[in-house]
Amino acid sequence: WRWNQTILGVIVMQVTTFYVDSSVTPAVPVFASNQMTPFGEDIGGTNSTWTNWEYGVPKAELFNFQDKANCPEANNCNSNQNQARRARQQLIQTFAKYHQM
């Protein structure tokens, strides 16, 4: 698959190419390439390769954060700009968390 990130619907800023191995069920990701191309200029990119993809629920210990209680939330989480982005990206649960009546 390939898709573009654009601004104003026509100016390509990033091209993402994503490959899967569909010879297995379910299909698994194999490779992804992201090229940054603002205004037609190729300024760099990243490649990601997966060699032993496994489906399933991530291990709970991967989400244990040290000293989480003393890590304050940023003071602009409820900004109009952030809420507009959440609405655009259809991040409904996060939008609802910060929504004020």
N, C-alpha and C. Protein backbone atom coordinates (compact mmCIF):
# COMPACT_ATOMS: atom_id res chain seq x y z
N TRP A 1 0.83 -1.16 0.00
CA TRP A 1 0.00 0.00 0.00
C TRP A 1 0.88 1.23 0.00
N ARG A 2 0.33 2.32 -0.55
CA ARG A 2 1.04 3.59 -0.53
C ARG A 2 0.01 4.69 -0.29
N TRP A 3 0.37 5.63 0.57
CA TRP A 3 -0.49 6.78 0.77
C TRP A 3 0.36 8.01 1.01
N ASN A 4 -0.25 9.16 0.78
CA ASN A 4 0.44 10.45 0.91
C ASN A 4 -0.19 11.27 2.02
N GLN A 5 0.64 12.01 2.72
CA GLN A 5 0.17 13.03 3.65
C GLN A 5 0.25 14.35 2.89
N THR A 6 -0.85 15.06 2.79
CA THR A 6 -0.87 16.29 2.01
C THR A 6 -1.36 17.46 2.86
N ILE A 7 -1.03 18.66 2.39
CA ILE A 7 -1.65 19.86 2.94
C ILE A 7 -2.43 20.50 1.81
N LEU A 8 -3.52 21.11 2.15
CA LEU A 8 -4.43 21.72 1.18
C LEU A 8 -4.92 20.69 0.16
N GLY A 9 -4.78 19.41 0.51
CA GLY A 9 -5.30 18.35 -0.34
C GLY A 9 -4.48 18.05 -1.58
N VAL A 10 -3.44 18.83 -1.86
CA VAL A 10 -2.69 18.60 -3.10
C VAL A 10 -1.17 18.62 -2.93
N ILE A 11 -0.65 19.26 -1.91
CA ILE A 11 0.80 19.38 -1.74
C ILE A 11 1.28 18.19 -0.90
N VAL A 12 2.02 17.29 -1.53
CA VAL A 12 2.48 16.08 -0.85
C VAL A 12 3.64 16.44 0.08
N MET A 13 3.45 16.10 1.36
CA MET A 13 4.48 16.38 2.37
C MET A 13 5.21 15.12 2.79
N GLN A 14 4.55 13.96 2.69
CA GLN A 14 5.16 12.70 3.09
C GLN A 14 4.52 11.57 2.29
N VAL A 15 5.36 10.62 1.88
CA VAL A 15 4.88 9.43 1.16
C VAL A 15 5.21 8.21 2.02
N THR A 16 4.20 7.41 2.32
CA THR A 16 4.38 6.19 3.10
C THR A 16 4.10 5.00 2.20
N THR A 17 5.02 4.04 2.17
CA THR A 17 4.85 2.80 1.44
C THR A 17 4.92 1.67 2.46
N PHE A 18 3.92 0.80 2.45
CA PHE A 18 3.78 -0.23 3.47
C PHE A 18 3.59 -1.59 2.79
N TYR A 19 4.42 -2.55 3.19
CA TYR A 19 4.37 -3.89 2.60
C TYR A 19 3.95 -4.92 3.65
N VAL A 20 3.13 -5.89 3.22
CA VAL A 20 2.74 -6.99 4.10
C VAL A 20 2.99 -8.32 3.40
N ASP A 21 3.17 -9.34 4.21
CA ASP A 21 3.26 -10.70 3.70
C ASP A 21 1.86 -11.28 3.75
N SER A 22 1.22 -11.37 2.60
CA SER A 22 -0.15 -11.88 2.55
C SER A 22 -0.20 -13.37 2.26
N SER A 23 0.96 -14.04 2.26
CA SER A 23 0.97 -15.49 2.04
C SER A 23 0.60 -16.24 3.32
N VAL A 24 0.52 -15.52 4.44
CA VAL A 24 0.11 -16.12 5.70
C VAL A 24 -1.19 -15.47 6.16
N THR A 25 -1.92 -16.18 7.03
CA THR A 25 -3.18 -15.64 7.54
C THR A 25 -3.11 -15.58 9.05
N PRO A 26 -3.36 -14.43 9.66
CA PRO A 26 -3.57 -13.14 9.02
C PRO A 26 -2.26 -12.59 8.45
N ALA A 27 -2.39 -11.68 7.50
CA ALA A 27 -1.21 -11.04 6.90
C ALA A 27 -0.40 -10.33 7.98
N VAL A 28 0.92 -10.25 7.78
CA VAL A 28 1.78 -9.61 8.76
C VAL A 28 2.58 -8.49 8.09
N PRO A 29 2.88 -7.42 8.83
CA PRO A 29 3.69 -6.34 8.27
C PRO A 29 5.12 -6.80 8.06
N VAL A 30 5.75 -6.31 6.99
CA VAL A 30 7.12 -6.69 6.67
C VAL A 30 8.03 -5.47 6.62
N PHE A 31 7.57 -4.40 5.95
CA PHE A 31 8.44 -3.25 5.72
C PHE A 31 7.59 -2.00 5.52
N ALA A 32 8.08 -0.88 6.02
CA ALA A 32 7.44 0.42 5.78
C ALA A 32 8.53 1.45 5.50
N SER A 33 8.25 2.31 4.55
CA SER A 33 9.17 3.38 4.20
C SER A 33 8.41 4.70 4.24
N ASN A 34 8.98 5.69 4.91
CA ASN A 34 8.40 7.04 4.97
C ASN A 34 9.40 8.01 4.38
N GLN A 35 9.00 8.74 3.35
CA GLN A 35 9.85 9.75 2.74
C GLN A 35 9.23 11.11 2.98
N MET A 36 10.02 12.02 3.53
CA MET A 36 9.57 13.39 3.75
C MET A 36 9.83 14.18 2.47
N THR A 37 8.76 14.69 1.88
CA THR A 37 8.87 15.35 0.57
C THR A 37 8.13 16.68 0.54
N PRO A 38 8.41 17.59 1.48
CA PRO A 38 7.66 18.84 1.46
C PRO A 38 7.91 19.64 0.19
N PHE A 39 6.82 20.00 -0.45
CA PHE A 39 6.87 20.83 -1.67
C PHE A 39 7.76 20.21 -2.74
N GLY A 40 7.78 18.86 -2.81
CA GLY A 40 8.53 18.17 -3.84
C GLY A 40 10.00 17.94 -3.53
N GLU A 41 10.47 18.44 -2.40
CA GLU A 41 11.87 18.26 -2.02
C GLU A 41 12.00 17.01 -1.14
N ASP A 42 12.80 16.06 -1.56
CA ASP A 42 13.03 14.85 -0.76
C ASP A 42 14.10 15.18 0.28
N ILE A 43 13.66 15.37 1.55
CA ILE A 43 14.61 15.82 2.58
C ILE A 43 15.03 14.69 3.53
N GLY A 44 14.51 13.50 3.34
CA GLY A 44 14.91 12.39 4.20
C GLY A 44 13.77 11.44 4.44
N GLY A 45 14.06 10.40 5.20
CA GLY A 45 13.01 9.44 5.47
C GLY A 45 13.45 8.40 6.48
N THR A 46 12.56 7.46 6.71
CA THR A 46 12.84 6.36 7.64
C THR A 46 12.37 5.06 7.02
N ASN A 47 13.00 3.97 7.42
CA ASN A 47 12.57 2.63 7.03
C ASN A 47 12.39 1.81 8.29
N SER A 48 11.35 0.97 8.29
CA SER A 48 11.10 0.04 9.40
C SER A 48 10.92 -1.34 8.82
N THR A 49 11.57 -2.33 9.44
CA THR A 49 11.46 -3.72 9.00
C THR A 49 11.04 -4.58 10.17
N TRP A 50 10.07 -5.47 9.93
CA TRP A 50 9.60 -6.40 10.95
C TRP A 50 9.96 -7.81 10.49
N THR A 51 10.68 -8.56 11.33
CA THR A 51 11.12 -9.89 10.94
C THR A 51 10.42 -11.01 11.71
N ASN A 52 9.84 -10.70 12.86
CA ASN A 52 9.17 -11.75 13.63
C ASN A 52 7.90 -11.22 14.29
N TRP A 53 7.04 -10.65 13.49
CA TRP A 53 5.80 -10.05 13.98
C TRP A 53 4.92 -11.10 14.64
N GLU A 54 4.36 -10.75 15.80
CA GLU A 54 3.43 -11.63 16.49
C GLU A 54 2.19 -10.84 16.86
N TYR A 55 1.03 -11.40 16.54
CA TYR A 55 -0.23 -10.78 16.95
C TYR A 55 -0.49 -11.11 18.41
N GLY A 56 -1.21 -10.24 19.07
CA GLY A 56 -1.60 -10.52 20.44
C GLY A 56 -1.61 -9.27 21.29
N VAL A 57 -1.99 -9.44 22.52
CA VAL A 57 -2.05 -8.34 23.49
C VAL A 57 -0.64 -8.08 23.99
N PRO A 58 -0.20 -6.83 24.00
CA PRO A 58 1.14 -6.52 24.52
C PRO A 58 1.25 -6.89 26.00
N LYS A 59 2.45 -7.20 26.42
CA LYS A 59 2.69 -7.53 27.82
C LYS A 59 2.41 -6.32 28.71
N ALA A 60 1.71 -6.54 29.81
CA ALA A 60 1.34 -5.44 30.72
C ALA A 60 2.56 -4.70 31.24
N GLU A 61 3.68 -5.39 31.46
CA GLU A 61 4.86 -4.73 32.02
C GLU A 61 5.47 -3.70 31.06
N LEU A 62 5.08 -3.75 29.80
CA LEU A 62 5.57 -2.74 28.85
C LEU A 62 4.94 -1.38 29.12
N PHE A 63 3.88 -1.36 29.93
CA PHE A 63 3.17 -0.11 30.20
C PHE A 63 3.29 0.32 31.65
N ASN A 64 4.27 -0.19 32.36
CA ASN A 64 4.55 0.23 33.73
C ASN A 64 5.53 1.40 33.68
N PHE A 65 5.07 2.57 34.09
CA PHE A 65 5.91 3.77 34.07
C PHE A 65 6.34 4.13 35.48
N GLN A 66 7.62 4.33 35.65
CA GLN A 66 8.13 4.69 36.96
C GLN A 66 7.73 6.12 37.30
N ASP A 67 7.34 6.32 38.53
CA ASP A 67 7.04 7.64 39.07
C ASP A 67 5.92 8.35 38.30
N LYS A 68 4.96 7.60 37.79
CA LYS A 68 3.86 8.18 37.02
C LYS A 68 3.06 9.19 37.85
N ALA A 69 2.91 8.94 39.14
CA ALA A 69 2.13 9.83 40.00
C ALA A 69 2.74 11.22 40.08
N ASN A 70 4.06 11.33 39.90
CA ASN A 70 4.74 12.62 39.98
C ASN A 70 5.03 13.22 38.61
N CYS A 71 4.38 12.72 37.60
CA CYS A 71 4.58 13.24 36.24
C CYS A 71 3.33 14.04 35.85
N PRO A 72 3.39 15.34 35.97
CA PRO A 72 2.19 16.16 35.73
C PRO A 72 1.81 16.19 34.24
N GLU A 73 0.52 16.30 33.99
CA GLU A 73 0.02 16.45 32.64
C GLU A 73 0.33 17.86 32.16
N ALA A 74 0.63 17.99 30.88
CA ALA A 74 0.91 19.31 30.31
C ALA A 74 -0.30 20.23 30.52
N ASN A 75 -0.05 21.52 30.67
CA ASN A 75 -1.13 22.45 30.96
C ASN A 75 -1.91 22.89 29.72
N ASN A 76 -1.55 22.39 28.53
CA ASN A 76 -2.29 22.80 27.33
C ASN A 76 -3.03 21.63 26.68
N CYS A 77 -3.26 20.55 27.43
CA CYS A 77 -3.95 19.39 26.87
C CYS A 77 -5.35 19.73 26.39
N ASN A 78 -5.98 20.71 27.03
CA ASN A 78 -7.35 21.06 26.68
C ASN A 78 -7.40 22.27 25.74
N SER A 79 -6.31 22.58 25.07
CA SER A 79 -6.32 23.75 24.19
C SER A 79 -7.26 23.53 23.01
N ASN A 80 -7.77 24.62 22.47
CA ASN A 80 -8.65 24.53 21.30
C ASN A 80 -7.94 23.87 20.13
N GLN A 81 -6.66 24.14 19.98
CA GLN A 81 -5.88 23.55 18.89
C GLN A 81 -5.81 22.02 19.03
N ASN A 82 -5.54 21.54 20.24
CA ASN A 82 -5.49 20.10 20.47
C ASN A 82 -6.86 19.47 20.27
N GLN A 83 -7.92 20.12 20.74
CA GLN A 83 -9.26 19.58 20.56
C GLN A 83 -9.65 19.54 19.09
N ALA A 84 -9.27 20.56 18.33
CA ALA A 84 -9.57 20.56 16.88
C ALA A 84 -8.85 19.41 16.19
N ARG A 85 -7.60 19.17 16.58
CA ARG A 85 -6.84 18.05 15.99
C ARG A 85 -7.50 16.72 16.34
N ARG A 86 -7.93 16.56 17.59
CA ARG A 86 -8.59 15.32 18.00
C ARG A 86 -9.88 15.11 17.22
N ALA A 87 -10.62 16.17 16.99
CA ALA A 87 -11.86 16.05 16.21
C ALA A 87 -11.55 15.66 14.77
N ARG A 88 -10.55 16.30 14.18
CA ARG A 88 -10.16 15.98 12.79
C ARG A 88 -9.73 14.53 12.65
N GLN A 89 -8.98 14.05 13.63
CA GLN A 89 -8.44 12.69 13.57
C GLN A 89 -9.39 11.65 14.15
N GLN A 90 -10.59 12.09 14.53
CA GLN A 90 -11.63 11.23 15.08
C GLN A 90 -11.16 10.47 16.32
N LEU A 91 -10.39 11.17 17.17
CA LEU A 91 -9.94 10.60 18.44
C LEU A 91 -11.03 10.87 19.48
N ILE A 92 -12.13 10.16 19.34
CA ILE A 92 -13.35 10.45 20.08
C ILE A 92 -13.17 10.33 21.60
N GLN A 93 -12.52 9.27 22.07
CA GLN A 93 -12.36 9.09 23.52
C GLN A 93 -11.50 10.18 24.13
N THR A 94 -10.40 10.53 23.45
CA THR A 94 -9.53 11.59 23.98
C THR A 94 -10.24 12.93 23.89
N PHE A 95 -10.97 13.17 22.79
CA PHE A 95 -11.73 14.41 22.67
C PHE A 95 -12.72 14.54 23.84
N ALA A 96 -13.43 13.45 24.14
CA ALA A 96 -14.43 13.47 25.21
C ALA A 96 -13.78 13.72 26.57
N LYS A 97 -12.58 13.17 26.78
CA LYS A 97 -11.90 13.34 28.06
C LYS A 97 -11.65 14.82 28.36
N TYR A 98 -11.29 15.60 27.34
CA TYR A 98 -10.96 17.00 27.56
C TYR A 98 -12.08 17.97 27.20
N HIS A 99 -13.21 17.46 26.77
CA HIS A 99 -14.32 18.32 26.37
C HIS A 99 -14.93 19.01 27.59
N GLN A 100 -15.15 20.33 27.44
CA GLN A 100 -15.78 21.10 28.52
C GLN A 100 -17.09 21.65 28.02
N MET A 101 -18.11 21.54 28.82
CA MET A 101 -19.42 22.06 28.45
C MET A 101 -19.51 23.53 28.79
